[in-house]
């Protein structure tokens, strides 16, 4: 019978290669575009209210 050694510290499919860090580029871009859109909307209303003064 063959001895099976389980290494509890290693993840499934792990190797000696360095792991890639996951960076959600699409989500970050979407969030920044959302902030810019809301800032433009806010400033347009703000300057409209200032002009009515």
Protein backbone atom coordinates (compact mmCIF):
# COMPACT_ATOMS: atom_id res chain seq x y z
CA UNK A 1 0.00 0.00 0.00
CA UNK A 2 1.22 3.47 -0.83
CA UNK A 3 1.65 6.08 1.90
CA UNK A 4 -0.27 9.26 1.15
CA UNK A 5 1.07 12.41 2.73
CA UNK A 6 -1.35 15.28 3.22
CA UNK A 7 0.16 18.70 3.62
CA UNK A 8 -2.47 20.68 5.50
CA UNK A 9 -0.59 23.97 5.02
CA UNK A 10 -0.66 23.93 1.23
CA UNK A 11 -3.58 25.11 -0.86
CA UNK A 12 -4.99 22.94 -3.59
CA UNK A 13 -3.01 23.41 -6.77
CA UNK A 14 -0.25 25.39 -5.10
CA UNK A 15 3.21 25.50 -6.54
CA UNK A 16 6.51 27.23 -5.91
CA UNK A 17 5.61 30.08 -8.28
CA UNK A 18 4.74 33.44 -6.70
CA UNK A 19 1.01 34.10 -6.53
CA UNK A 20 -0.52 36.84 -8.65
CA UNK A 21 -2.33 39.53 -6.72
CA UNK A 22 -5.92 40.05 -7.83
CA UNK A 23 -6.70 43.69 -8.61
CA UNK A 24 -10.31 44.40 -9.65
CA UNK A 25 -9.42 46.98 -12.31
CA UNK A 26 -12.90 47.06 -13.82
CA UNK A 27 -14.59 47.65 -10.47
CA UNK A 28 -12.12 50.41 -9.55
CA UNK A 29 -12.63 52.10 -12.93
CA UNK A 30 -16.42 51.87 -12.59
CA UNK A 31 -16.29 53.34 -9.08
CA UNK A 32 -14.10 56.26 -10.21
CA UNK A 33 -16.39 56.97 -13.16
CA UNK A 34 -19.35 56.89 -10.79
CA UNK A 35 -17.66 59.43 -8.51
CA UNK A 36 -16.85 61.71 -11.45
CA UNK A 37 -20.45 61.47 -12.70
CA UNK A 38 -21.89 62.31 -9.30
CA UNK A 39 -19.43 65.19 -8.88
CA UNK A 40 -20.45 66.64 -12.26
CA UNK A 41 -24.13 66.30 -11.36
CA UNK A 42 -23.56 67.93 -7.97
CA UNK A 43 -21.55 70.84 -9.40
CA UNK A 44 -24.08 71.45 -12.17
CA UNK A 45 -26.89 71.74 -9.60
CA UNK A 46 -24.67 73.79 -7.28
CA UNK A 47 -23.74 76.34 -9.95
CA UNK A 48 -27.35 76.46 -11.15
CA UNK A 49 -28.47 77.33 -7.61
CA UNK A 50 -25.73 79.99 -7.33
CA UNK A 51 -26.83 81.61 -10.58
CA UNK A 52 -30.40 81.98 -9.25
CA UNK A 53 -29.22 83.99 -6.28
